[in-house]
C-alpha atoms as a PDB file:
ATOM      1  CA  MET A   1     -26.860  79.486  65.270  1.00  0.00           C
ATOM      2  CA  PRO A   2     -30.554  78.442  65.477  1.00  0.00           C
ATOM      3  CA  MET A   3     -31.518  81.767  63.862  1.00  0.00           C
ATOM      4  CA  LYS A   4     -29.222  81.027  60.885  1.00  0.00           C
ATOM      5  CA  ILE A   5     -30.858  77.640  60.421  1.00  0.00           C
ATOM      6  CA  LEU A   6     -34.300  79.235  60.582  1.00  0.00           C
ATOM      7  CA  PHE A   7     -33.346  81.794  57.900  1.00  0.00           C
ATOM      8  CA  LEU A   8     -31.801  79.063  55.733  1.00  0.00           C
ATOM      9  CA  PHE A   9     -34.947  76.940  56.012  1.00  0.00           C
ATOM     10  CA  ALA A  10     -37.179  79.948  55.235  1.00  0.00           C
ATOM     11  CA  GLY A  11     -35.005  80.768  52.208  1.00  0.00           C
ATOM     12  CA  LEU A  12     -35.274  77.206  50.901  1.00  0.00           C
ATOM     13  CA  LEU A  13     -39.052  77.243  51.280  1.00  0.00           C
ATOM     14  CA  PHE A  14     -39.237  80.546  49.428  1.00  0.00           C
ATOM     15  CA  ALA A  15     -37.022  79.241  46.599  1.00  0.00           C
ATOM     16  CA  ALA A  16     -39.092  76.075  46.272  1.00  0.00           C
ATOM     17  CA  SER A  17     -42.321  78.070  46.031  1.00  0.00           C
ATOM     18  CA  VAL A  18     -40.865  80.392  43.374  1.00  0.00           C
ATOM     19  CA  PHE A  19     -39.085  77.820  41.214  1.00  0.00           C
ATOM     20  CA  GLY A  20     -41.271  74.760  41.781  1.00  0.00           C
ATOM     21  CA  GLN A  21     -43.951  75.980  39.405  1.00  0.00           C
ATOM     22  CA  ASP A  22     -46.704  73.627  38.333  1.00  0.00           C
ATOM     23  CA  GLN A  23     -46.317  72.399  34.741  1.00  0.00           C
ATOM     24  CA  THR A  24     -49.842  71.017  34.403  1.00  0.00           C
ATOM     25  CA  LEU A  25     -50.704  70.332  30.789  1.00  0.00           C
ATOM     26  CA  SER A  26     -53.559  72.527  29.602  1.00  0.00           C
ATOM     27  CA  PRO A  27     -56.270  70.974  27.411  1.00  0.00           C
ATOM     28  CA  GLU A  28     -55.194  73.310  24.575  1.00  0.00           C
ATOM     29  CA  THR A  29     -51.535  72.252  24.796  1.00  0.00           C
ATOM     30  CA  ASP A  30     -52.621  68.596  24.946  1.00  0.00           C
ATOM     31  CA  ARG A  31     -54.683  69.094  21.777  1.00  0.00           C
ATOM     32  CA  GLN A  32     -51.867  70.934  19.987  1.00  0.00           C
ATOM     33  CA  VAL A  33     -49.221  68.317  20.814  1.00  0.00           C
ATOM     34  CA  ARG A  34     -51.501  65.420  19.828  1.00  0.00           C
ATOM     35  CA  SER A  35     -52.320  67.237  16.583  1.00  0.00           C
ATOM     36  CA  LEU A  36     -48.592  67.687  15.906  1.00  0.00           C
ATOM     37  CA  ILE A  37     -47.920  63.950  16.388  1.00  0.00           C
ATOM     38  CA  ASP A  38     -50.929  63.132  14.163  1.00  0.00           C
ATOM     39  CA  ALA A  39     -49.485  65.436  11.483  1.00  0.00           C
ATOM     40  CA  TYR A  40     -46.144  63.625  11.774  1.00  0.00           C
ATOM     41  CA  SER A  41     -47.866  60.261  11.342  1.00  0.00           C
ATOM     42  CA  GLU A  42     -49.827  61.560   8.348  1.00  0.00           C
ATOM     43  CA  ALA A  43     -46.693  63.040   6.760  1.00  0.00           C
ATOM     44  CA  ARG A  44     -44.883  59.720   7.138  1.00  0.00           C
ATOM     45  CA  THR A  45     -47.819  57.770   5.691  1.00  0.00           C
ATOM     46  CA  GLN A  46     -48.222  60.156   2.745  1.00  0.00           C
ATOM     47  CA  LYS A  47     -44.438  60.654   2.349  1.00  0.00           C
ATOM     48  CA  ASP A  48     -45.166  64.396   2.469  1.00  0.00           C
ATOM     49  CA  SER A  49     -41.799  66.130   2.746  1.00  0.00           C
ATOM     50  CA  ALA A  50     -43.339  69.626   2.848  1.00  0.00           C
ATOM     51  CA  LEU A  51     -45.500  68.744   5.851  1.00  0.00           C
ATOM     52  CA  LEU A  52     -42.555  67.042   7.579  1.00  0.00           C
ATOM     53  CA  ARG A  53     -40.359  70.087   6.997  1.00  0.00           C
ATOM     54  CA  SER A  54     -43.030  72.351   8.512  1.00  0.00           C
ATOM     55  CA  ILE A  55     -43.410  70.351  11.753  1.00  0.00           C
ATOM     56  CA  LEU A  56     -39.756  69.477  12.457  1.00  0.00           C
ATOM     57  CA  SER A  57     -37.417  71.901  14.200  1.00  0.00           C
ATOM     58  CA  PRO A  58     -34.285  72.725  12.158  1.00  0.00           C
ATOM     59  CA  ASP A  59     -32.101  71.038  14.811  1.00  0.00           C
ATOM     60  CA  ILE A  60     -34.219  67.881  15.162  1.00  0.00           C
ATOM     61  CA  ASP A  61     -32.464  64.696  16.045  1.00  0.00           C
ATOM     62  CA  GLN A  62     -33.898  61.240  15.684  1.00  0.00           C
ATOM     63  CA  LEU A  63     -32.579  57.993  17.126  1.00  0.00           C
ATOM     64  CA  VAL A  64     -34.279  55.130  15.309  1.00  0.00           C
ATOM     65  CA  SER A  65     -34.759  51.554  16.466  1.00  0.00           C
ATOM     66  CA  THR A  66     -31.890  50.324  14.249  1.00  0.00           C
ATOM     67  CA  GLY A  67     -29.465  52.580  16.116  1.00  0.00           C
ATOM     68  CA  VAL A  68     -29.075  55.163  13.356  1.00  0.00           C
ATOM     69  CA  TRP A  69     -28.919  58.701  14.700  1.00  0.00           C
ATOM     70  CA  ARG A  70     -30.129  61.409  12.341  1.00  0.00           C
ATOM     71  CA  LYS A  71     -29.096  64.923  13.335  1.00  0.00           C
ATOM     72  CA  GLY A  72     -30.591  68.032  11.773  1.00  0.00           C
ATOM     73  CA  ARG A  73     -33.666  68.384   9.580  1.00  0.00           C
ATOM     74  CA  GLU A  74     -31.632  67.980   6.374  1.00  0.00           C
ATOM     75  CA  SER A  75     -30.479  64.547   7.585  1.00  0.00           C
ATOM     76  CA  ALA A  76     -33.670  63.438   9.325  1.00  0.00           C
ATOM     77  CA  LEU A  77     -36.105  64.297   6.542  1.00  0.00           C
ATOM     78  CA  PRO A  78     -34.648  62.059   3.810  1.00  0.00           C
ATOM     79  CA  GLY A  79     -34.030  59.329   6.379  1.00  0.00           C
ATOM     80  CA  MET A  80     -37.679  59.384   7.446  1.00  0.00           C
ATOM     81  CA  LEU A  81     -38.907  59.222   3.864  1.00  0.00           C
ATOM     82  CA  GLN A  82     -36.486  56.422   2.973  1.00  0.00           C
ATOM     83  CA  SER A  83     -37.510  54.485   6.074  1.00  0.00           C
ATOM     84  CA  SER A  84     -41.155  54.718   5.012  1.00  0.00           C
ATOM     85  CA  GLU A  85     -40.156  53.287   1.621  1.00  0.00           C
ATOM     86  CA  ASN A  86     -38.030  50.499   3.146  1.00  0.00           C
ATOM     87  CA  ASN A  87     -40.664  49.541   5.728  1.00  0.00           C
ATOM     88  CA  PRO A  88     -43.996  49.552   3.910  1.00  0.00           C
ATOM     89  CA  GLY A  89     -47.212  48.987   5.781  1.00  0.00           C
ATOM     90  CA  SER A  90     -49.769  51.029   7.604  1.00  0.00           C
ATOM     91  CA  ARG A  91     -48.396  53.092  10.469  1.00  0.00           C
ATOM     92  CA  SER A  92     -50.189  54.170  13.593  1.00  0.00           C
ATOM     93  CA  ILE A  93     -48.883  56.374  16.348  1.00  0.00           C
ATOM     94  CA  THR A  94     -51.046  56.550  19.452  1.00  0.00           C
ATOM     95  CA  VAL A  95     -50.045  59.071  22.090  1.00  0.00           C
ATOM     96  CA  GLU A  96     -50.266  57.476  25.538  1.00  0.00           C
ATOM     97  CA  GLN A  97     -49.175  60.414  27.686  1.00  0.00           C
ATOM     98  CA  ILE A  98     -47.825  63.928  27.472  1.00  0.00           C
ATOM     99  CA  ARG A  99     -45.720  65.582  30.166  1.00  0.00           C
ATOM    100  CA  GLN A 100     -45.048  69.291  30.051  1.00  0.00           C
ATOM    101  CA  LEU A 101     -41.539  69.926  31.381  1.00  0.00           C
ATOM    102  CA  THR A 102     -41.546  73.704  30.952  1.00  0.00           C
ATOM    103  CA  PRO A 103     -44.017  76.072  29.286  1.00  0.00           C
ATOM    104  CA  ASP A 104     -42.102  75.554  26.008  1.00  0.00           C
ATOM    105  CA  VAL A 105     -41.062  71.873  26.213  1.00  0.00           C
ATOM    106  CA  ALA A 106     -43.122  68.683  26.441  1.00  0.00           C
ATOM    107  CA  LEU A 107     -42.567  64.928  26.098  1.00  0.00           C
ATOM    108  CA  ALA A 108     -45.089  62.778  24.259  1.00  0.00           C
ATOM    109  CA  ASP A 109     -44.829  59.009  24.688  1.00  0.00           C
ATOM    110  CA  ALA A 110     -46.589  56.969  22.033  1.00  0.00           C
ATOM    111  CA  ARG A 111     -47.146  53.440  20.805  1.00  0.00           C
ATOM    112  CA  TYR A 112     -45.813  53.132  17.269  1.00  0.00           C
ATOM    113  CA  THR A 113     -47.047  50.197  15.195  1.00  0.00           C
ATOM    114  CA  ILE A 114     -46.300  49.239  11.607  1.00  0.00           C
ATOM    115  CA  GLU A 115     -48.798  46.704  10.259  1.00  0.00           C
ATOM    116  CA  ASN A 116     -47.089  44.727   7.490  1.00  0.00           C
ATOM    117  CA  ASP A 117     -48.860  43.417   4.393  1.00  0.00           C
ATOM    118  CA  ASP A 118     -48.337  39.825   5.593  1.00  0.00           C
ATOM    119  CA  GLY A 119     -50.366  40.488   8.763  1.00  0.00           C
ATOM    120  CA  THR A 120     -47.427  40.805  11.140  1.00  0.00           C
ATOM    121  CA  ALA A 121     -46.916  43.927  13.178  1.00  0.00           C
ATOM    122  CA  ARG A 122     -43.813  45.731  14.360  1.00  0.00           C
ATOM    123  CA  LYS A 123     -44.707  47.207  17.757  1.00  0.00           C
ATOM    124  CA  MET A 124     -42.473  49.927  19.147  1.00  0.00           C
ATOM    125  CA  TRP A 125     -42.467  52.907  21.474  1.00  0.00           C
ATOM    126  CA  SER A 126     -41.689  56.460  20.417  1.00  0.00           C
ATOM    127  CA  THR A 127     -40.909  59.466  22.553  1.00  0.00           C
ATOM    128  CA  PHE A 128     -41.232  62.896  21.000  1.00  0.00           C
ATOM    129  CA  VAL A 129     -39.621  65.993  22.467  1.00  0.00           C
ATOM    130  CA  VAL A 130     -41.680  68.947  21.292  1.00  0.00           C
ATOM    131  CA  VAL A 131     -40.901  72.637  21.664  1.00  0.00           C
ATOM    132  CA  GLN A 132     -43.089  75.706  21.455  1.00  0.00           C
ATOM    133  CA  THR A 133     -41.850  78.196  18.846  1.00  0.00           C
ATOM    134  CA  ASP A 134     -43.180  81.432  17.389  1.00  0.00           C
ATOM    135  CA  ASN A 135     -44.764  79.206  14.704  1.00  0.00           C
ATOM    136  CA  GLY A 136     -46.393  76.708  17.072  1.00  0.00           C
ATOM    137  CA  TRP A 137     -45.210  73.386  18.451  1.00  0.00           C
ATOM    138  CA  LYS A 138     -42.405  71.615  16.551  1.00  0.00           C
ATOM    139  CA  ILE A 139     -40.806  68.194  16.947  1.00  0.00           C
ATOM    140  CA  ALA A 140     -37.256  68.642  18.270  1.00  0.00           C
ATOM    141  CA  ALA A 141     -36.330  65.001  18.926  1.00  0.00           C
ATOM    142  CA  ILE A 142     -37.690  61.498  18.371  1.00  0.00           C
ATOM    143  CA  ARG A 143     -36.596  58.296  20.080  1.00  0.00           C
ATOM    144  CA  ASN A 144     -37.933  55.026  18.645  1.00  0.00           C
ATOM    145  CA  MET A 145     -37.501  51.892  20.714  1.00  0.00           C
ATOM    146  CA  LEU A 146     -38.185  48.235  20.203  1.00  0.00           C
ATOM    147  CA  PRO A 147     -39.253  46.655  23.486  1.00  0.00           C
ATOM    148  CA  ALA A 148     -36.860  44.016  24.751  1.00  0.00           C
ATOM    149  CA  GLU A 149     -38.228  40.490  24.855  1.00  0.00           C
ATOM    150  CA  ARG A 150     -39.048  39.423  28.374  1.00  0.00           C
ATOM    151  CA  SER A 151     -37.402  36.355  29.803  1.00  0.00           C
ATOM    152  CA  ARG A 152     -39.698  33.928  31.544  1.00  0.00           C
END
């Protein structure tokens, strides 16, 4: 019986060393993902549908802060452009952190602020799921969140 436990333990250690691979973000991947999010921000600001189409995966889904869920590029694209029209102001998206989950999938968490013409600001969080494709990194999902007000 002790020999079986020893072999089981050795097998678990072997499996952990094989499958527990380090997913450290390389400087190049960091640059590429940040550039992708910057392109998204620019496309939204300029209402550039061609640029948006080129950086979104065909199966993108976006859950916006109002609770609307846009599924697929053909739904998300017009929704993004309409949202930019309905919510004028200068937008900024600042990536706070990027976590690489697998060699082809990463999460980018960002502060998303819309500065309104009257001086007020809408401050949100956005999480981008990005995937590596044959044509570079693409945005596969976006989650926009309004922070809950804290109770005192």
